[in-house]
């Protein structure tokens, strides 16, 4: 789908560093990423490096997504799960707690996935030595905060239709080159249960809401979560977004 570059197999769109980097910064970034790759199959719970072994220095470990989809989540003691975010190529996450000896989240591969697992001190050294990369990573962090805040607002104060509509718009914008266009298909490799865990809804509620959106001519959804937006104006009205504005806020600028 995306044209790949010579940097860890990532497209320009999915690298956390924009065009115009100096050759030294570009080479340093690629060398660090390529030197710490690991592959995991769909459904795998990612074993977080160093969990329970921290010394409180806050170095942590950074997980950088090279390919595939992952989810980060928290679970209650009785097993109820809330998916906090969906991680796509180009996203990075340090899941450690402030004390450095526990993970704040669980990370699971939704699809076959390739990650770079980098010790925090090595990642920090890279950002210190190459401020342009640090600024790009900071922009990506702000984009992640924006999308999670928008989703949380609808999860807490919106309707089931609004949170599902927003989440579908968000994932379409983040995972495709064509963006939100009526009549174009996009795929979400999530079950309705997983989509519900992201939206704070039961699988039954997700199913009913998607069917209602289909009956009203807004979406077409297959059993495998291939989705076509049939009425973009109504979908974005339900989601309470402007597509261009949302794209600017959740897709880090180069």
Foldseek 3Di string as FASTA:
>chain_A
DADADPALRAHQLQALFHPPFDPVLSVLNSVQQVVFKDKDAAFDWDDAPQAQNDPQPQLAKKKAWQAAKKWKWDADPVGQIATQDIDGHNDMDRQADNSRRHGVTIMGTNHTTMIGIGGSVSVVVSCVVGVSSVVSNVLLVQLSVVLSVLLVCCLVPNDPLQNLLSVVQVCQLVPDPVHDDAFDKDADSDALCVSCSHSVHHSVSSVVSVVVCVVVQQWDADNRGTIGGHDRVVSCVSNVDDSVVNSPRNRRDD
